[in-house]
Amino acid sequence: MGGGHGHGHGITYKGVTLHQPKRWHTVTGKGLCAVMWFWILYRAKKDGPVVLGWRHPWEGHDDHH
C-alpha cells in the first residue's frame, strides 16, 4: 500500500517519509495559489467596503429605470 520504498530520496521524521514533490506539482500549486490571490484581491476590491462595514450593499444602486 503506497509502496515506493527505495524510489527517490526523502526526509524521514517520526516514521513519516516526505519525498520531494514532482515539478508539475510545484508549478501547478504556485499557479493555483496565484489564481486564488488574484481572486481574493479582485473580490476585496469589489466587496471590501461592504465586508468592512464602510457602506451598505444597497447603496449605489439608485439608478433603476
PDB file of N, CA and C in Angstrom:
ATOM      1  N   MET A   1       0.837  -1.172   0.000  1.00  0.00           N
ATOM      2  CA  MET A   1       0.000   0.000   0.000  1.00  0.00           C
ATOM      3  C   MET A   1       0.880   1.232   0.000  1.00  0.00           C
ATOM      4  N   GLY A   2       0.813   2.006  -1.026  1.00  0.00           N
ATOM      5  CA  GLY A   2       1.569   3.241  -1.089  1.00  0.00           C
ATOM      6  C   GLY A   2       3.057   3.014  -1.220  1.00  0.00           C
ATOM      7  N   GLY A   3       3.471   1.833  -1.595  1.00  0.00           N
ATOM      8  CA  GLY A   3       4.869   1.444  -1.715  1.00  0.00           C
ATOM      9  C   GLY A   3       5.811   2.559  -2.099  1.00  0.00           C
ATOM     10  N   GLY A   4       6.816   2.282  -2.780  1.00  0.00           N
ATOM     11  CA  GLY A   4       7.751   3.302  -3.196  1.00  0.00           C
ATOM     12  C   GLY A   4       9.001   3.312  -2.346  1.00  0.00           C
ATOM     13  N   HIS A   5       9.216   2.271  -1.566  1.00  0.00           N
ATOM     14  CA  HIS A   5      10.444   2.213  -0.778  1.00  0.00           C
ATOM     15  C   HIS A   5      11.626   2.080  -1.717  1.00  0.00           C
ATOM     16  N   GLY A   6      12.605   2.924  -1.518  1.00  0.00           N
ATOM     17  CA  GLY A   6      13.799   2.856  -2.338  1.00  0.00           C
ATOM     18  C   GLY A   6      13.725   3.713  -3.597  1.00  0.00           C
ATOM     19  N   HIS A   7      12.591   4.344  -3.857  1.00  0.00           N
ATOM     20  CA  HIS A   7      12.465   5.187  -5.039  1.00  0.00           C
ATOM     21  C   HIS A   7      12.651   6.639  -4.628  1.00  0.00           C
ATOM     22  N   GLY A   8      13.665   7.260  -5.101  1.00  0.00           N
ATOM     23  CA  GLY A   8      13.900   8.669  -4.796  1.00  0.00           C
ATOM     24  C   GLY A   8      14.403   8.848  -3.371  1.00  0.00           C
ATOM     25  N   HIS A   9      14.666  10.087  -3.035  1.00  0.00           N
ATOM     26  CA  HIS A   9      15.155  10.402  -1.717  1.00  0.00           C
ATOM     27  C   HIS A   9      14.104  11.208  -0.988  1.00  0.00           C
ATOM     28  N   GLY A  10      14.100  11.063   0.303  1.00  0.00           N
ATOM     29  CA  GLY A  10      13.148  11.820   1.099  1.00  0.00           C
ATOM     30  C   GLY A  10      13.708  12.026   2.488  1.00  0.00           C
ATOM     31  N   ILE A  11      12.969  12.743   3.269  1.00  0.00           N
ATOM     32  CA  ILE A  11      13.347  13.013   4.653  1.00  0.00           C
ATOM     33  C   ILE A  11      12.377  12.255   5.540  1.00  0.00           C
ATOM     34  N   THR A  12      12.899  11.475   6.464  1.00  0.00           N
ATOM     35  CA  THR A  12      12.051  10.727   7.384  1.00  0.00           C
ATOM     36  C   THR A  12      12.050  11.425   8.727  1.00  0.00           C
ATOM     37  N   TYR A  13      10.837  11.669   9.235  1.00  0.00           N
ATOM     38  CA  TYR A  13      10.670  12.328  10.517  1.00  0.00           C
ATOM     39  C   TYR A  13       9.569  11.604  11.274  1.00  0.00           C
ATOM     40  N   LYS A  14       9.922  11.023  12.407  1.00  0.00           N
ATOM     41  CA  LYS A  14       8.985  10.273  13.258  1.00  0.00           C
ATOM     42  C   LYS A  14       8.233   9.209  12.466  1.00  0.00           C
ATOM     43  N   GLY A  15       8.928   8.503  11.607  1.00  0.00           N
ATOM     44  CA  GLY A  15       8.344   7.401  10.863  1.00  0.00           C
ATOM     45  C   GLY A  15       7.617   7.791   9.584  1.00  0.00           C
ATOM     46  N   VAL A  16       7.543   9.064   9.266  1.00  0.00           N
ATOM     47  CA  VAL A  16       6.875   9.518   8.050  1.00  0.00           C
ATOM     48  C   VAL A  16       7.936  10.024   7.087  1.00  0.00           C
ATOM     49  N   THR A  17       7.950   9.459   5.877  1.00  0.00           N
ATOM     50  CA  THR A  17       8.925   9.868   4.875  1.00  0.00           C
ATOM     51  C   THR A  17       8.283  10.870   3.928  1.00  0.00           C
ATOM     52  N   LEU A  18       8.879  12.046   3.834  1.00  0.00           N
ATOM     53  CA  LEU A  18       8.407  13.084   2.928  1.00  0.00           C
ATOM     54  C   LEU A  18       9.333  13.132   1.724  1.00  0.00           C
ATOM     55  N   HIS A  19       8.768  12.920   0.551  1.00  0.00           N
ATOM     56  CA  HIS A  19       9.547  12.933  -0.677  1.00  0.00           C
ATOM     57  C   HIS A  19       9.441  14.298  -1.332  1.00  0.00           C
ATOM     58  N   GLN A  20      10.400  14.628  -2.153  1.00  0.00           N
ATOM     59  CA  GLN A  20      10.372  15.874  -2.905  1.00  0.00           C
ATOM     60  C   GLN A  20       9.209  15.818  -3.896  1.00  0.00           C
ATOM     61  N   PRO A  21       8.433  16.901  -4.019  1.00  0.00           N
ATOM     62  CA  PRO A  21       7.336  16.897  -4.997  1.00  0.00           C
ATOM     63  C   PRO A  21       7.875  16.952  -6.421  1.00  0.00           C
ATOM     64  N   LYS A  22       7.098  16.410  -7.341  1.00  0.00           N
ATOM     65  CA  LYS A  22       7.484  16.490  -8.747  1.00  0.00           C
ATOM     66  C   LYS A  22       7.316  17.932  -9.218  1.00  0.00           C
ATOM     67  N   ARG A  23       8.002  18.268 -10.282  1.00  0.00           N
ATOM     68  CA  ARG A  23       7.980  19.643 -10.777  1.00  0.00           C
ATOM     69  C   ARG A  23       6.572  20.115 -11.125  1.00  0.00           C
ATOM     70  N   TRP A  24       5.762  19.257 -11.737  1.00  0.00           N
ATOM     71  CA  TRP A  24       4.422  19.687 -12.125  1.00  0.00           C
ATOM     72  C   TRP A  24       3.560  19.969 -10.909  1.00  0.00           C
ATOM     73  N   HIS A  25       3.798  19.258  -9.791  1.00  0.00           N
ATOM     74  CA  HIS A  25       3.058  19.556  -8.562  1.00  0.00           C
ATOM     75  C   HIS A  25       3.408  20.957  -8.069  1.00  0.00           C
ATOM     76  N   THR A  26       4.682  21.285  -8.092  1.00  0.00           N
ATOM     77  CA  THR A  26       5.133  22.596  -7.618  1.00  0.00           C
ATOM     78  C   THR A  26       4.599  23.714  -8.505  1.00  0.00           C
ATOM     79  N   VAL A  27       4.703  23.543  -9.813  1.00  0.00           N
ATOM     80  CA  VAL A  27       4.246  24.579 -10.752  1.00  0.00           C
ATOM     81  C   VAL A  27       2.731  24.749 -10.666  1.00  0.00           C
ATOM     82  N   THR A  28       2.006  23.649 -10.609  1.00  0.00           N
ATOM     83  CA  THR A  28       0.545  23.716 -10.507  1.00  0.00           C
ATOM     84  C   THR A  28       0.125  24.373  -9.198  1.00  0.00           C
ATOM     85  N   GLY A  29       0.796  24.025  -8.107  1.00  0.00           N
ATOM     86  CA  GLY A  29       0.474  24.630  -6.824  1.00  0.00           C
ATOM     87  C   GLY A  29       0.702  26.128  -6.812  1.00  0.00           C
ATOM     88  N   LYS A  30       1.810  26.571  -7.391  1.00  0.00           N
ATOM     89  CA  LYS A  30       2.088  28.010  -7.449  1.00  0.00           C
ATOM     90  C   LYS A  30       1.088  28.725  -8.348  1.00  0.00           C
ATOM     91  N   GLY A  31       0.719  28.092  -9.458  1.00  0.00           N
ATOM     92  CA  GLY A  31      -0.269  28.689 -10.359  1.00  0.00           C
ATOM     93  C   GLY A  31      -1.627  28.833  -9.695  1.00  0.00           C
ATOM     94  N   LEU A  32      -2.073  27.780  -9.009  1.00  0.00           N
ATOM     95  CA  LEU A  32      -3.358  27.851  -8.324  1.00  0.00           C
ATOM     96  C   LEU A  32      -3.324  28.839  -7.167  1.00  0.00           C
ATOM     97  N   CYS A  33      -2.193  28.956  -6.515  1.00  0.00           N
ATOM     98  CA  CYS A  33      -2.036  29.944  -5.446  1.00  0.00           C
ATOM     99  C   CYS A  33      -2.172  31.360  -6.008  1.00  0.00           C
ATOM    100  N   ALA A  34      -1.567  31.610  -7.156  1.00  0.00           N
ATOM    101  CA  ALA A  34      -1.672  32.923  -7.791  1.00  0.00           C
ATOM    102  C   ALA A  34      -3.114  33.227  -8.178  1.00  0.00           C
ATOM    103  N   VAL A  35      -3.813  32.245  -8.761  1.00  0.00           N
ATOM    104  CA  VAL A  35      -5.220  32.439  -9.118  1.00  0.00           C
ATOM    105  C   VAL A  35      -6.034  32.744  -7.880  1.00  0.00           C
ATOM    106  N   MET A  36      -5.784  32.032  -6.785  1.00  0.00           N
ATOM    107  CA  MET A  36      -6.513  32.259  -5.541  1.00  0.00           C
ATOM    108  C   MET A  36      -6.322  33.688  -5.052  1.00  0.00           C
ATOM    109  N   TRP A  37      -5.067  34.174  -5.028  1.00  0.00           N
ATOM    110  CA  TRP A  37      -4.811  35.523  -4.526  1.00  0.00           C
ATOM    111  C   TRP A  37      -5.372  36.592  -5.452  1.00  0.00           C
ATOM    112  N   PHE A  38      -5.300  36.375  -6.773  1.00  0.00           N
ATOM    113  CA  PHE A  38      -5.918  37.321  -7.700  1.00  0.00           C
ATOM    114  C   PHE A  38      -7.414  37.404  -7.457  1.00  0.00           C
ATOM    115  N   TRP A  39      -8.049  36.253  -7.211  1.00  0.00           N
ATOM    116  CA  TRP A  39      -9.485  36.229  -6.962  1.00  0.00           C
ATOM    117  C   TRP A  39      -9.821  36.932  -5.645  1.00  0.00           C
ATOM    118  N   ILE A  40      -9.056  36.662  -4.601  1.00  0.00           N
ATOM    119  CA  ILE A  40      -9.300  37.302  -3.299  1.00  0.00           C
ATOM    120  C   ILE A  40      -9.141  38.812  -3.416  1.00  0.00           C
ATOM    121  N   LEU A  41      -8.098  39.268  -4.084  1.00  0.00           N
ATOM    122  CA  LEU A  41      -7.889  40.708  -4.219  1.00  0.00           C
ATOM    123  C   LEU A  41      -8.943  41.351  -5.111  1.00  0.00           C
ATOM    124  N   TYR A  42      -9.391  40.652  -6.145  1.00  0.00           N
ATOM    125  CA  TYR A  42     -10.453  41.169  -7.007  1.00  0.00           C
ATOM    126  C   TYR A  42     -11.745  41.327  -6.216  1.00  0.00           C
ATOM    127  N   ARG A  43     -12.102  40.296  -5.438  1.00  0.00           N
ATOM    128  CA  ARG A  43     -13.327  40.371  -4.657  1.00  0.00           C
ATOM    129  C   ARG A  43     -13.197  41.409  -3.543  1.00  0.00           C
ATOM    130  N   ALA A  44     -12.012  41.564  -2.967  1.00  0.00           N
ATOM    131  CA  ALA A  44     -11.814  42.591  -1.944  1.00  0.00           C
ATOM    132  C   ALA A  44     -12.001  43.976  -2.538  1.00  0.00           C
ATOM    133  N   LYS A  45     -11.562  44.156  -3.784  1.00  0.00           N
ATOM    134  CA  LYS A  45     -11.741  45.451  -4.453  1.00  0.00           C
ATOM    135  C   LYS A  45     -13.225  45.729  -4.667  1.00  0.00           C
ATOM    136  N   LYS A  46     -13.979  44.705  -5.061  1.00  0.00           N
ATOM    137  CA  LYS A  46     -15.398  44.886  -5.351  1.00  0.00           C
ATOM    138  C   LYS A  46     -16.253  44.932  -4.085  1.00  0.00           C
ATOM    139  N   ASP A  47     -15.984  44.053  -3.107  1.00  0.00           N
ATOM    140  CA  ASP A  47     -16.845  43.903  -1.935  1.00  0.00           C
ATOM    141  C   ASP A  47     -16.227  44.391  -0.639  1.00  0.00           C
ATOM    142  N   GLY A  48     -14.997  44.875  -0.683  1.00  0.00           N
ATOM    143  CA  GLY A  48     -14.298  45.260   0.532  1.00  0.00           C
ATOM    144  C   GLY A  48     -15.041  46.244   1.418  1.00  0.00           C
ATOM    145  N   PRO A  49     -15.527  47.364   0.877  1.00  0.00           N
ATOM    146  CA  PRO A  49     -16.223  48.328   1.732  1.00  0.00           C
ATOM    147  C   PRO A  49     -17.461  47.742   2.408  1.00  0.00           C
ATOM    148  N   VAL A  50     -18.172  46.860   1.724  1.00  0.00           N
ATOM    149  CA  VAL A  50     -19.363  46.245   2.312  1.00  0.00           C
ATOM    150  C   VAL A  50     -18.954  45.279   3.428  1.00  0.00           C
ATOM    151  N   VAL A  51     -17.947  44.469   3.174  1.00  0.00           N
ATOM    152  CA  VAL A  51     -17.498  43.491   4.167  1.00  0.00           C
ATOM    153  C   VAL A  51     -16.966  44.200   5.414  1.00  0.00           C
ATOM    154  N   LEU A  52     -16.258  45.306   5.215  1.00  0.00           N
ATOM    155  CA  LEU A  52     -15.702  46.035   6.351  1.00  0.00           C
ATOM    156  C   LEU A  52     -16.714  46.957   7.019  1.00  0.00           C
ATOM    157  N   GLY A  53     -17.914  47.051   6.466  1.00  0.00           N
ATOM    158  CA  GLY A  53     -18.957  47.863   7.066  1.00  0.00           C
ATOM    159  C   GLY A  53     -18.859  49.338   6.741  1.00  0.00           C
ATOM    160  N   TRP A  54     -18.097  49.704   5.731  1.00  0.00           N
ATOM    161  CA  TRP A  54     -17.934  51.103   5.353  1.00  0.00           C
ATOM    162  C   TRP A  54     -19.121  51.616   4.554  1.00  0.00           C
ATOM    163  N   ARG A  55     -19.869  50.721   3.906  1.00  0.00           N
ATOM    164  CA  ARG A  55     -21.086  51.121   3.203  1.00  0.00           C
ATOM    165  C   ARG A  55     -22.032  49.927   3.175  1.00  0.00           C
ATOM    166  N   HIS A  56     -23.306  50.211   2.899  1.00  0.00           N
ATOM    167  CA  HIS A  56     -24.308  49.153   2.831  1.00  0.00           C
ATOM    168  C   HIS A  56     -24.360  48.594   1.419  1.00  0.00           C
ATOM    169  N   PRO A  57     -24.716  47.310   1.285  1.00  0.00           N
ATOM    170  CA  PRO A  57     -24.735  46.706  -0.049  1.00  0.00           C
ATOM    171  C   PRO A  57     -25.762  47.332  -0.980  1.00  0.00           C
ATOM    172  N   TRP A  58     -26.795  47.944  -0.453  1.00  0.00           N
ATOM    173  CA  TRP A  58     -27.838  48.527  -1.307  1.00  0.00           C
ATOM    174  C   TRP A  58     -27.517  49.953  -1.728  1.00  0.00           C
ATOM    175  N   GLU A  59     -26.449  50.544  -1.211  1.00  0.00           N
ATOM    176  CA  GLU A  59     -26.065  51.897  -1.615  1.00  0.00           C
ATOM    177  C   GLU A  59     -25.435  51.861  -3.014  1.00  0.00           C
ATOM    178  N   GLY A  60     -25.744  52.868  -3.810  1.00  0.00           N
ATOM    179  CA  GLY A  60     -25.150  52.972  -5.130  1.00  0.00           C
ATOM    180  C   GLY A  60     -25.943  52.290  -6.218  1.00  0.00           C
ATOM    181  N   HIS A  61     -27.129  51.798  -5.888  1.00  0.00           N
ATOM    182  CA  HIS A  61     -27.964  51.128  -6.883  1.00  0.00           C
ATOM    183  C   HIS A  61     -29.263  51.903  -7.086  1.00  0.00           C
ATOM    184  N   ASP A  62     -29.215  53.218  -7.094  1.00  0.00           N
ATOM    185  CA  ASP A  62     -30.416  54.036  -7.208  1.00  0.00           C
ATOM    186  C   ASP A  62     -30.793  54.337  -8.646  1.00  0.00           C
ATOM    187  N   ASP A  63     -30.025  53.890  -9.607  1.00  0.00           N
ATOM    188  CA  ASP A  63     -30.276  54.281 -10.990  1.00  0.00           C
ATOM    189  C   ASP A  63     -31.130  53.270 -11.759  1.00  0.00           C
ATOM    190  N   HIS A  64     -32.120  52.666 -11.097  1.00  0.00           N
ATOM    191  CA  HIS A  64     -33.023  51.740 -11.793  1.00  0.00           C
ATOM    192  C   HIS A  64     -34.008  52.558 -12.632  1.00  0.00           C
ATOM    193  N   HIS A  65     -34.132  52.221 -13.919  1.00  0.00           N
ATOM    194  CA  HIS A  65     -35.033  52.971 -14.792  1.00  0.00           C
ATOM    195  C   HIS A  65     -36.246  52.146 -15.092  1.00  0.00           C
TER     196      HIS A  65
END
